[in-house]
Amino acid sequence: MDVSGRILDRAHQVLARGGKPTVSEFAAAAGVSRASFYRHFKSREALLQALAVSPEPDARERILTAAVELVGEKGLASLSMDELADRAGVSRATVYRLFPGKSPLLAALIEGYSPLEPVLHVLTARGEEPPEVLVPEVARAAYRASVGRVGLIRALFFEISGLSAETEAVAAEAINRVVGRLVMYVMAQMGAGRLRRMHPLLALQSLVGPVLFHIITRPLAEKVLSLDVEGEAAVTQLAEAWLRAMSPEEEGS
């Protein structure tokens, strides 16, 4: 969280104590100097005005849409909250009121724009179905949720180790929740004799790897290699190839 965001965040706590807090009190609560406070807010009244501004009804969606674009262009680590405010056409105070840092912003992006939640929904709603039915549907759900969001997918799976500990934990928790459910499903299907036995995490990697690689490289494959297979059909074929490789007959042979 940058200085202005920290000042806005701590200001709520200062105001909750009552009275008529001064600039010095706001600055002290945020751990900054008065000079630093005035570089971000021209006066005490400017801070109070920023805190009092109610976000526009569609501000949250505009910010998230802009965040998907910026993450796609620059990655999550380089995302600037000030640039995000400019791209979304809202004030910096509105951004920090709705998302007081990259961690809550990433959590909202994962929930609303990543393939993790759609995949989890399929697993929750249809987890009793056999692999030949469920696995291709999981691949298609992941593809549908990734269209136009390749940058976010790349950041989510390949950038998290370079983020702050708090932001990394948000991404890791979301990924682990879905991976855990997938591992449990694969293990149950192995136990029922529908999939050949191997380490469930390796089995899962052999499914997710090709699908994820296709999603990330598809724009390039369409442009440079003239790929003409429709997206859902492509990931369905990848899922079906995995099912053939994981067939119990394959284990016996």
C-alpha atoms as a PDB file:
ATOM      1  CA  MET A   1       0.000   0.000   0.000  1.00  0.00           C
ATOM      2  CA  ASP A   2       1.469   3.404  -0.921  1.00  0.00           C
ATOM      3  CA  VAL A   3       1.549   6.489   1.339  1.00  0.00           C
ATOM      4  CA  SER A   4      -1.770   7.992   0.245  1.00  0.00           C
ATOM      5  CA  GLY A   5      -3.519   4.654   0.654  1.00  0.00           C
ATOM      6  CA  ARG A   6      -2.033   4.205   4.132  1.00  0.00           C
ATOM      7  CA  ILE A   7      -3.143   7.698   5.171  1.00  0.00           C
ATOM      8  CA  LEU A   8      -6.686   7.015   3.957  1.00  0.00           C
ATOM      9  CA  ASP A   9      -6.751   3.623   5.637  1.00  0.00           C
ATOM     10  CA  ARG A  10      -5.515   4.878   9.015  1.00  0.00           C
ATOM     11  CA  ALA A  11      -7.696   7.987   8.886  1.00  0.00           C
ATOM     12  CA  HIS A  12     -10.796   5.877   9.483  1.00  0.00           C
ATOM     13  CA  GLN A  13      -9.272   4.593  12.727  1.00  0.00           C
ATOM     14  CA  VAL A  14      -8.353   8.116  13.847  1.00  0.00           C
ATOM     15  CA  LEU A  15     -11.853   9.446  13.147  1.00  0.00           C
ATOM     16  CA  ALA A  16     -13.403   6.508  14.999  1.00  0.00           C
ATOM     17  CA  ARG A  17     -11.762   7.776  18.202  1.00  0.00           C
ATOM     18  CA  GLY A  18     -13.898  10.926  18.017  1.00  0.00           C
ATOM     19  CA  GLY A  19     -12.939  14.546  18.541  1.00  0.00           C
ATOM     20  CA  LYS A  20     -11.430  16.754  15.854  1.00  0.00           C
ATOM     21  CA  PRO A  21      -8.137  15.122  14.872  1.00  0.00           C
ATOM     22  CA  THR A  22      -5.372  17.276  13.424  1.00  0.00           C
ATOM     23  CA  VAL A  23      -3.106  16.738  10.448  1.00  0.00           C
ATOM     24  CA  SER A  24      -0.380  15.707  12.895  1.00  0.00           C
ATOM     25  CA  GLU A  25      -2.606  12.959  14.301  1.00  0.00           C
ATOM     26  CA  PHE A  26      -3.522  11.667  10.848  1.00  0.00           C
ATOM     27  CA  ALA A  27       0.136  11.689   9.809  1.00  0.00           C
ATOM     28  CA  ALA A  28       1.280   9.960  13.000  1.00  0.00           C
ATOM     29  CA  ALA A  29      -1.342   7.219  12.623  1.00  0.00           C
ATOM     30  CA  ALA A  30      -0.118   6.534   9.094  1.00  0.00           C
ATOM     31  CA  GLY A  31       3.529   6.628  10.173  1.00  0.00           C
ATOM     32  CA  VAL A  32       4.432   9.540   7.891  1.00  0.00           C
ATOM     33  CA  SER A  33       5.638  13.104   8.390  1.00  0.00           C
ATOM     34  CA  ARG A  34       3.439  16.176   8.068  1.00  0.00           C
ATOM     35  CA  ALA A  35       5.389  17.102   4.933  1.00  0.00           C
ATOM     36  CA  SER A  36       4.610  13.711   3.433  1.00  0.00           C
ATOM     37  CA  PHE A  37       0.939  14.131   4.370  1.00  0.00           C
ATOM     38  CA  TYR A  38       0.771  17.460   2.556  1.00  0.00           C
ATOM     39  CA  ARG A  39       2.391  15.996  -0.545  1.00  0.00           C
ATOM     40  CA  HIS A  40      -0.644  13.715  -0.901  1.00  0.00           C
ATOM     41  CA  PHE A  41      -3.427  15.862   0.574  1.00  0.00           C
ATOM     42  CA  LYS A  42      -3.374  19.650   0.382  1.00  0.00           C
ATOM     43  CA  SER A  43      -5.166  20.043   3.708  1.00  0.00           C
ATOM     44  CA  ARG A  44      -7.048  18.289   6.467  1.00  0.00           C
ATOM     45  CA  GLU A  45     -10.254  19.196   4.632  1.00  0.00           C
ATOM     46  CA  ALA A  46      -8.963  17.564   1.439  1.00  0.00           C
ATOM     47  CA  LEU A  47      -8.431  14.309   3.334  1.00  0.00           C
ATOM     48  CA  LEU A  48     -11.888  14.475   4.890  1.00  0.00           C
ATOM     49  CA  GLN A  49     -13.403  15.177   1.491  1.00  0.00           C
ATOM     50  CA  ALA A  50     -11.611  12.189   0.006  1.00  0.00           C
ATOM     51  CA  LEU A  51     -12.926   9.990   2.797  1.00  0.00           C
ATOM     52  CA  ALA A  52     -16.458  11.298   2.381  1.00  0.00           C
ATOM     53  CA  VAL A  53     -16.715  10.631  -1.359  1.00  0.00           C
ATOM     54  CA  SER A  54     -19.085   7.742  -1.976  1.00  0.00           C
ATOM     55  CA  PRO A  55     -17.949   5.471  -4.803  1.00  0.00           C
ATOM     56  CA  GLU A  56     -20.040   5.650  -7.960  1.00  0.00           C
ATOM     57  CA  PRO A  57     -22.361   2.640  -8.377  1.00  0.00           C
ATOM     58  CA  ASP A  58     -20.215   1.089 -11.118  1.00  0.00           C
ATOM     59  CA  ALA A  59     -16.850   2.152  -9.707  1.00  0.00           C
ATOM     60  CA  ARG A  60     -15.935  -1.299  -8.430  1.00  0.00           C
ATOM     61  CA  GLU A  61     -16.536  -2.962 -11.795  1.00  0.00           C
ATOM     62  CA  ARG A  62     -14.673  -0.209 -13.646  1.00  0.00           C
ATOM     63  CA  ILE A  63     -11.680  -0.604 -11.334  1.00  0.00           C
ATOM     64  CA  LEU A  64     -11.607  -4.386 -11.725  1.00  0.00           C
ATOM     65  CA  THR A  65     -11.954  -4.157 -15.511  1.00  0.00           C
ATOM     66  CA  ALA A  66      -9.101  -1.656 -15.622  1.00  0.00           C
ATOM     67  CA  ALA A  67      -7.036  -3.881 -13.317  1.00  0.00           C
ATOM     68  CA  VAL A  68      -7.437  -6.860 -15.670  1.00  0.00           C
ATOM     69  CA  GLU A  69      -6.195  -4.676 -18.549  1.00  0.00           C
ATOM     70  CA  LEU A  70      -3.224  -3.291 -16.620  1.00  0.00           C
ATOM     71  CA  VAL A  71      -2.186  -6.667 -15.224  1.00  0.00           C
ATOM     72  CA  GLY A  72      -2.312  -8.020 -18.762  1.00  0.00           C
ATOM     73  CA  GLU A  73      -0.082  -5.202 -19.993  1.00  0.00           C
ATOM     74  CA  LYS A  74       2.411  -4.899 -17.136  1.00  0.00           C
ATOM     75  CA  GLY A  75       1.927  -7.757 -14.716  1.00  0.00           C
ATOM     76  CA  LEU A  76       0.672  -7.642 -11.169  1.00  0.00           C
ATOM     77  CA  ALA A  77       3.956  -6.667  -9.534  1.00  0.00           C
ATOM     78  CA  SER A  78       4.178  -3.484 -11.642  1.00  0.00           C
ATOM     79  CA  LEU A  79       0.550  -2.480 -11.136  1.00  0.00           C
ATOM     80  CA  SER A  80       0.268   1.098  -9.881  1.00  0.00           C
ATOM     81  CA  MET A  81      -2.819   1.971  -7.883  1.00  0.00           C
ATOM     82  CA  ASP A  82      -2.590   5.562  -9.138  1.00  0.00           C
ATOM     83  CA  GLU A  83      -2.455   4.367 -12.747  1.00  0.00           C
ATOM     84  CA  LEU A  84      -5.359   2.057 -11.972  1.00  0.00           C
ATOM     85  CA  ALA A  85      -7.423   5.031 -10.777  1.00  0.00           C
ATOM     86  CA  ASP A  86      -6.625   6.936 -13.980  1.00  0.00           C
ATOM     87  CA  ARG A  87      -7.473   3.956 -16.220  1.00  0.00           C
ATOM     88  CA  ALA A  88     -10.766   3.351 -14.379  1.00  0.00           C
ATOM     89  CA  GLY A  89     -11.698   7.041 -14.417  1.00  0.00           C
ATOM     90  CA  VAL A  90     -12.128   7.260 -10.638  1.00  0.00           C
ATOM     91  CA  SER A  91     -10.340   9.088  -7.873  1.00  0.00           C
ATOM     92  CA  ARG A  92      -7.454   7.580  -5.988  1.00  0.00           C
ATOM     93  CA  ALA A  93      -9.550   7.797  -2.829  1.00  0.00           C
ATOM     94  CA  THR A  94     -12.269   5.683  -4.471  1.00  0.00           C
ATOM     95  CA  VAL A  95      -9.739   2.993  -5.399  1.00  0.00           C
ATOM     96  CA  TYR A  96      -8.392   2.819  -1.855  1.00  0.00           C
ATOM     97  CA  ARG A  97     -11.836   2.892  -0.321  1.00  0.00           C
ATOM     98  CA  LEU A  98     -12.877  -0.161  -2.336  1.00  0.00           C
ATOM     99  CA  PHE A  99      -9.482  -1.898  -2.469  1.00  0.00           C
ATOM    100  CA  PRO A 100      -7.070  -0.677   0.230  1.00  0.00           C
ATOM    101  CA  GLY A 101      -4.098  -2.466  -1.318  1.00  0.00           C
ATOM    102  CA  LYS A 102      -3.056  -5.091  -3.862  1.00  0.00           C
ATOM    103  CA  SER A 103      -4.102  -8.027  -1.686  1.00  0.00           C
ATOM    104  CA  PRO A 104      -7.851  -7.213  -1.596  1.00  0.00           C
ATOM    105  CA  LEU A 105      -7.657  -6.193  -5.255  1.00  0.00           C
ATOM    106  CA  LEU A 106      -6.126  -9.550  -6.191  1.00  0.00           C
ATOM    107  CA  ALA A 107      -8.729 -11.389  -4.116  1.00  0.00           C
ATOM    108  CA  ALA A 108     -11.493  -9.618  -6.058  1.00  0.00           C
ATOM    109  CA  LEU A 109      -9.798 -10.356  -9.388  1.00  0.00           C
ATOM    110  CA  ILE A 110      -9.494 -14.041  -8.498  1.00  0.00           C
ATOM    111  CA  GLU A 111     -13.130 -14.241  -7.461  1.00  0.00           C
ATOM    112  CA  GLY A 112     -14.546 -12.411 -10.447  1.00  0.00           C
ATOM    113  CA  TYR A 113     -12.109 -12.857 -13.320  1.00  0.00           C
ATOM    114  CA  SER A 114      -9.846 -15.889 -12.872  1.00  0.00           C
ATOM    115  CA  PRO A 115     -10.691 -19.473 -13.894  1.00  0.00           C
ATOM    116  CA  LEU A 116     -10.277 -20.698 -10.312  1.00  0.00           C
ATOM    117  CA  GLU A 117     -13.786 -19.915  -9.096  1.00  0.00           C
ATOM    118  CA  PRO A 118     -15.581 -21.281 -12.211  1.00  0.00           C
ATOM    119  CA  VAL A 119     -13.555 -24.503 -11.954  1.00  0.00           C
ATOM    120  CA  LEU A 120     -14.357 -24.777  -8.253  1.00  0.00           C
ATOM    121  CA  HIS A 121     -18.049 -24.238  -9.043  1.00  0.00           C
ATOM    122  CA  VAL A 122     -18.002 -27.114 -11.550  1.00  0.00           C
ATOM    123  CA  LEU A 123     -16.259 -29.377  -9.061  1.00  0.00           C
ATOM    124  CA  THR A 124     -18.734 -28.496  -6.326  1.00  0.00           C
ATOM    125  CA  ALA A 125     -21.837 -28.884  -8.486  1.00  0.00           C
ATOM    126  CA  ARG A 126     -20.763 -31.928 -10.507  1.00  0.00           C
ATOM    127  CA  GLY A 127     -18.095 -33.630  -8.426  1.00  0.00           C
ATOM    128  CA  GLU A 128     -19.908 -36.987  -8.480  1.00  0.00           C
ATOM    129  CA  GLU A 129     -19.732 -37.314 -12.259  1.00  0.00           C
ATOM    130  CA  PRO A 130     -17.209 -39.688 -13.886  1.00  0.00           C
ATOM    131  CA  PRO A 131     -13.935 -38.341 -15.322  1.00  0.00           C
ATOM    132  CA  GLU A 132     -15.002 -38.641 -18.962  1.00  0.00           C
ATOM    133  CA  VAL A 133     -17.822 -36.190 -18.222  1.00  0.00           C
ATOM    134  CA  LEU A 134     -16.329 -33.905 -15.579  1.00  0.00           C
ATOM    135  CA  VAL A 135     -12.731 -33.420 -16.746  1.00  0.00           C
ATOM    136  CA  PRO A 136     -13.574 -31.954 -20.198  1.00  0.00           C
ATOM    137  CA  GLU A 137     -16.119 -29.659 -18.538  1.00  0.00           C
ATOM    138  CA  VAL A 138     -13.489 -28.444 -16.070  1.00  0.00           C
ATOM    139  CA  ALA A 139     -11.165 -27.679 -19.008  1.00  0.00           C
ATOM    140  CA  ARG A 140     -13.915 -25.808 -20.842  1.00  0.00           C
ATOM    141  CA  ALA A 141     -14.852 -23.811 -17.724  1.00  0.00           C
ATOM    142  CA  ALA A 142     -11.211 -22.789 -17.306  1.00  0.00           C
ATOM    143  CA  TYR A 143     -10.993 -21.728 -20.939  1.00  0.00           C
ATOM    144  CA  ARG A 144     -14.226 -19.723 -20.884  1.00  0.00           C
ATOM    145  CA  ALA A 145     -13.112 -17.818 -17.800  1.00  0.00           C
ATOM    146  CA  SER A 146      -9.731 -17.045 -19.372  1.00  0.00           C
ATOM    147  CA  VAL A 147     -10.822 -15.490 -22.662  1.00  0.00           C
ATOM    148  CA  GLY A 148      -9.406 -11.964 -22.831  1.00  0.00           C
ATOM    149  CA  ARG A 149      -7.646 -12.395 -19.481  1.00  0.00           C
ATOM    150  CA  VAL A 150      -4.432 -14.180 -20.400  1.00  0.00           C
ATOM    151  CA  GLY A 151      -2.336 -11.557 -18.622  1.00  0.00           C
ATOM    152  CA  LEU A 152      -4.187 -12.153 -15.369  1.00  0.00           C
ATOM    153  CA  ILE A 153      -3.761 -15.925 -15.724  1.00  0.00           C
ATOM    154  CA  ARG A 154      -0.043 -15.496 -16.370  1.00  0.00           C
ATOM    155  CA  ALA A 155       0.335 -13.216 -13.344  1.00  0.00           C
ATOM    156  CA  LEU A 156      -1.663 -15.511 -11.092  1.00  0.00           C
ATOM    157  CA  PHE A 157       0.367 -18.625 -11.851  1.00  0.00           C
ATOM    158  CA  PHE A 158       3.816 -17.214 -12.609  1.00  0.00           C
ATOM    159  CA  GLU A 159       4.198 -13.959 -10.641  1.00  0.00           C
ATOM    160  CA  ILE A 160       3.010 -14.774  -7.132  1.00  0.00           C
ATOM    161  CA  SER A 161       6.471 -15.667  -5.806  1.00  0.00           C
ATOM    162  CA  GLY A 162       7.626 -12.114  -6.554  1.00  0.00           C
ATOM    163  CA  LEU A 163       4.783 -10.378  -4.726  1.00  0.00           C
ATOM    164  CA  SER A 164       4.504  -9.265  -1.114  1.00  0.00           C
ATOM    165  CA  ALA A 165       3.934 -12.028   1.417  1.00  0.00           C
ATOM    166  CA  GLU A 166       0.349 -10.907   2.015  1.00  0.00           C
ATOM    167  CA  THR A 167      -0.527 -10.760  -1.686  1.00  0.00           C
ATOM    168  CA  GLU A 168       1.225 -14.058  -2.383  1.00  0.00           C
ATOM    169  CA  ALA A 169      -0.793 -15.670   0.411  1.00  0.00           C
ATOM    170  CA  VAL A 170      -4.062 -14.512  -1.188  1.00  0.00           C
ATOM    171  CA  ALA A 171      -3.157 -16.110  -4.522  1.00  0.00           C
ATOM    172  CA  ALA A 172      -1.737 -19.259  -2.942  1.00  0.00           C
ATOM    173  CA  GLU A 173      -4.842 -19.788  -0.823  1.00  0.00           C
ATOM    174  CA  ALA A 174      -7.123 -19.540  -3.862  1.00  0.00           C
ATOM    175  CA  ILE A 175      -4.954 -21.868  -5.945  1.00  0.00           C
ATOM    176  CA  ASN A 176      -4.609 -24.406  -3.136  1.00  0.00           C
ATOM    177  CA  ARG A 177      -8.361 -24.462  -2.561  1.00  0.00           C
ATOM    178  CA  VAL A 178      -9.006 -25.502  -6.170  1.00  0.00           C
ATOM    179  CA  VAL A 179      -5.989 -27.813  -6.410  1.00  0.00           C
ATOM    180  CA  GLY A 180      -7.017 -29.535  -3.187  1.00  0.00           C
ATOM    181  CA  ARG A 181     -10.494 -30.221  -4.550  1.00  0.00           C
ATOM    182  CA  LEU A 182      -9.073 -31.521  -7.833  1.00  0.00           C
ATOM    183  CA  VAL A 183      -6.604 -33.803  -6.033  1.00  0.00           C
ATOM    184  CA  MET A 184      -9.415 -35.244  -3.898  1.00  0.00           C
ATOM    185  CA  TYR A 185     -11.475 -35.914  -7.030  1.00  0.00           C
ATOM    186  CA  VAL A 186      -8.576 -37.582  -8.848  1.00  0.00           C
ATOM    187  CA  MET A 187      -7.767 -39.749  -5.826  1.00  0.00           C
ATOM    188  CA  ALA A 188     -11.403 -40.844  -5.506  1.00  0.00           C
ATOM    189  CA  GLN A 189     -11.546 -41.775  -9.188  1.00  0.00           C
ATOM    190  CA  MET A 190      -8.301 -43.735  -8.886  1.00  0.00           C
ATOM    191  CA  GLY A 191      -9.728 -45.562  -5.901  1.00  0.00           C
ATOM    192  CA  ALA A 192     -12.861 -46.393  -7.890  1.00  0.00           C
ATOM    193  CA  GLY A 193     -10.770 -47.824 -10.729  1.00  0.00           C
ATOM    194  CA  ARG A 194     -11.786 -45.150 -13.264  1.00  0.00           C
ATOM    195  CA  LEU A 195      -8.289 -43.641 -13.508  1.00  0.00           C
ATOM    196  CA  ARG A 196      -4.972 -45.428 -13.395  1.00  0.00           C
ATOM    197  CA  ARG A 197      -2.999 -44.999 -10.205  1.00  0.00           C
ATOM    198  CA  MET A 198      -0.105 -42.565  -9.953  1.00  0.00           C
ATOM    199  CA  HIS A 199       0.786 -39.668  -7.685  1.00  0.00           C
ATOM    200  CA  PRO A 200      -2.406 -37.535  -7.811  1.00  0.00           C
ATOM    201  CA  LEU A 201      -0.517 -34.234  -7.970  1.00  0.00           C
ATOM    202  CA  LEU A 202       1.548 -35.438 -10.926  1.00  0.00           C
ATOM    203  CA  ALA A 203      -1.632 -36.668 -12.596  1.00  0.00           C
ATOM    204  CA  LEU A 204      -3.159 -33.239 -12.075  1.00  0.00           C
ATOM    205  CA  GLN A 205      -0.089 -31.445 -13.424  1.00  0.00           C
ATOM    206  CA  SER A 206      -0.259 -33.566 -16.574  1.00  0.00           C
ATOM    207  CA  LEU A 207      -3.807 -32.254 -17.121  1.00  0.00           C
ATOM    208  CA  VAL A 208      -3.452 -28.629 -16.045  1.00  0.00           C
ATOM    209  CA  GLY A 209      -0.107 -28.092 -17.786  1.00  0.00           C
ATOM    210  CA  PRO A 210      -1.287 -28.570 -21.387  1.00  0.00           C
ATOM    211  CA  VAL A 211      -4.579 -26.729 -20.814  1.00  0.00           C
ATOM    212  CA  LEU A 212      -2.855 -23.788 -19.130  1.00  0.00           C
ATOM    213  CA  PHE A 213      -0.142 -23.688 -21.813  1.00  0.00           C
ATOM    214  CA  HIS A 214      -2.798 -23.643 -24.528  1.00  0.00           C
ATOM    215  CA  ILE A 215      -4.699 -20.806 -22.858  1.00  0.00           C
ATOM    216  CA  ILE A 216      -1.583 -18.663 -22.405  1.00  0.00           C
ATOM    217  CA  THR A 217      -0.115 -19.278 -25.864  1.00  0.00           C
ATOM    218  CA  ARG A 218      -3.374 -19.348 -27.830  1.00  0.00           C
ATOM    219  CA  PRO A 219      -3.237 -15.670 -28.944  1.00  0.00           C
ATOM    220  CA  LEU A 220       0.250 -16.251 -30.360  1.00  0.00           C
ATOM    221  CA  ALA A 221      -0.741 -19.605 -31.912  1.00  0.00           C
ATOM    222  CA  GLU A 222      -3.703 -17.993 -33.666  1.00  0.00           C
ATOM    223  CA  LYS A 223      -1.624 -15.089 -34.965  1.00  0.00           C
ATOM    224  CA  VAL A 224       1.643 -16.793 -35.894  1.00  0.00           C
ATOM    225  CA  LEU A 225       0.754 -20.455 -36.404  1.00  0.00           C
ATOM    226  CA  SER A 226      -2.754 -19.914 -37.816  1.00  0.00           C
ATOM    227  CA  LEU A 227      -4.400 -22.174 -35.241  1.00  0.00           C
ATOM    228  CA  ASP A 228      -7.986 -22.663 -36.415  1.00  0.00           C
ATOM    229  CA  VAL A 229      -9.361 -24.983 -33.683  1.00  0.00           C
ATOM    230  CA  GLU A 230     -12.064 -23.298 -31.597  1.00  0.00           C
ATOM    231  CA  GLY A 231     -10.942 -22.715 -27.996  1.00  0.00           C
ATOM    232  CA  GLU A 232     -13.369 -24.965 -26.124  1.00  0.00           C
ATOM    233  CA  ALA A 233     -12.877 -27.712 -28.714  1.00  0.00           C
ATOM    234  CA  ALA A 234      -9.106 -27.444 -28.264  1.00  0.00           C
ATOM    235  CA  VAL A 235      -9.108 -27.818 -24.483  1.00  0.00           C
ATOM    236  CA  THR A 236     -11.690 -30.616 -24.786  1.00  0.00           C
ATOM    237  CA  GLN A 237      -9.268 -32.501 -27.018  1.00  0.00           C
ATOM    238  CA  LEU A 238      -6.489 -31.966 -24.490  1.00  0.00           C
ATOM    239  CA  ALA A 239      -8.717 -33.248 -21.683  1.00  0.00           C
ATOM    240  CA  GLU A 240      -9.690 -36.290 -23.727  1.00  0.00           C
ATOM    241  CA  ALA A 241      -6.024 -37.037 -24.452  1.00  0.00           C
ATOM    242  CA  TRP A 242      -5.381 -36.927 -20.698  1.00  0.00           C
ATOM    243  CA  LEU A 243      -8.285 -39.298 -20.084  1.00  0.00           C
ATOM    244  CA  ARG A 244      -6.853 -41.785 -22.578  1.00  0.00           C
ATOM    245  CA  ALA A 245      -3.430 -41.596 -20.911  1.00  0.00           C
ATOM    246  CA  MET A 246      -5.048 -42.062 -17.487  1.00  0.00           C
ATOM    247  CA  SER A 247      -7.186 -45.014 -18.544  1.00  0.00           C
ATOM    248  CA  PRO A 248      -6.888 -48.093 -16.270  1.00  0.00           C
ATOM    249  CA  GLU A 249      -6.219 -50.133 -19.440  1.00  0.00           C
ATOM    250  CA  GLU A 250      -3.138 -47.976 -20.006  1.00  0.00           C
ATOM    251  CA  GLU A 251      -1.912 -48.866 -16.529  1.00  0.00           C
ATOM    252  CA  GLY A 252      -2.374 -52.577 -17.235  1.00  0.00           C
ATOM    253  CA  SER A 253      -0.515 -52.453 -20.519  1.00  0.00           C
END
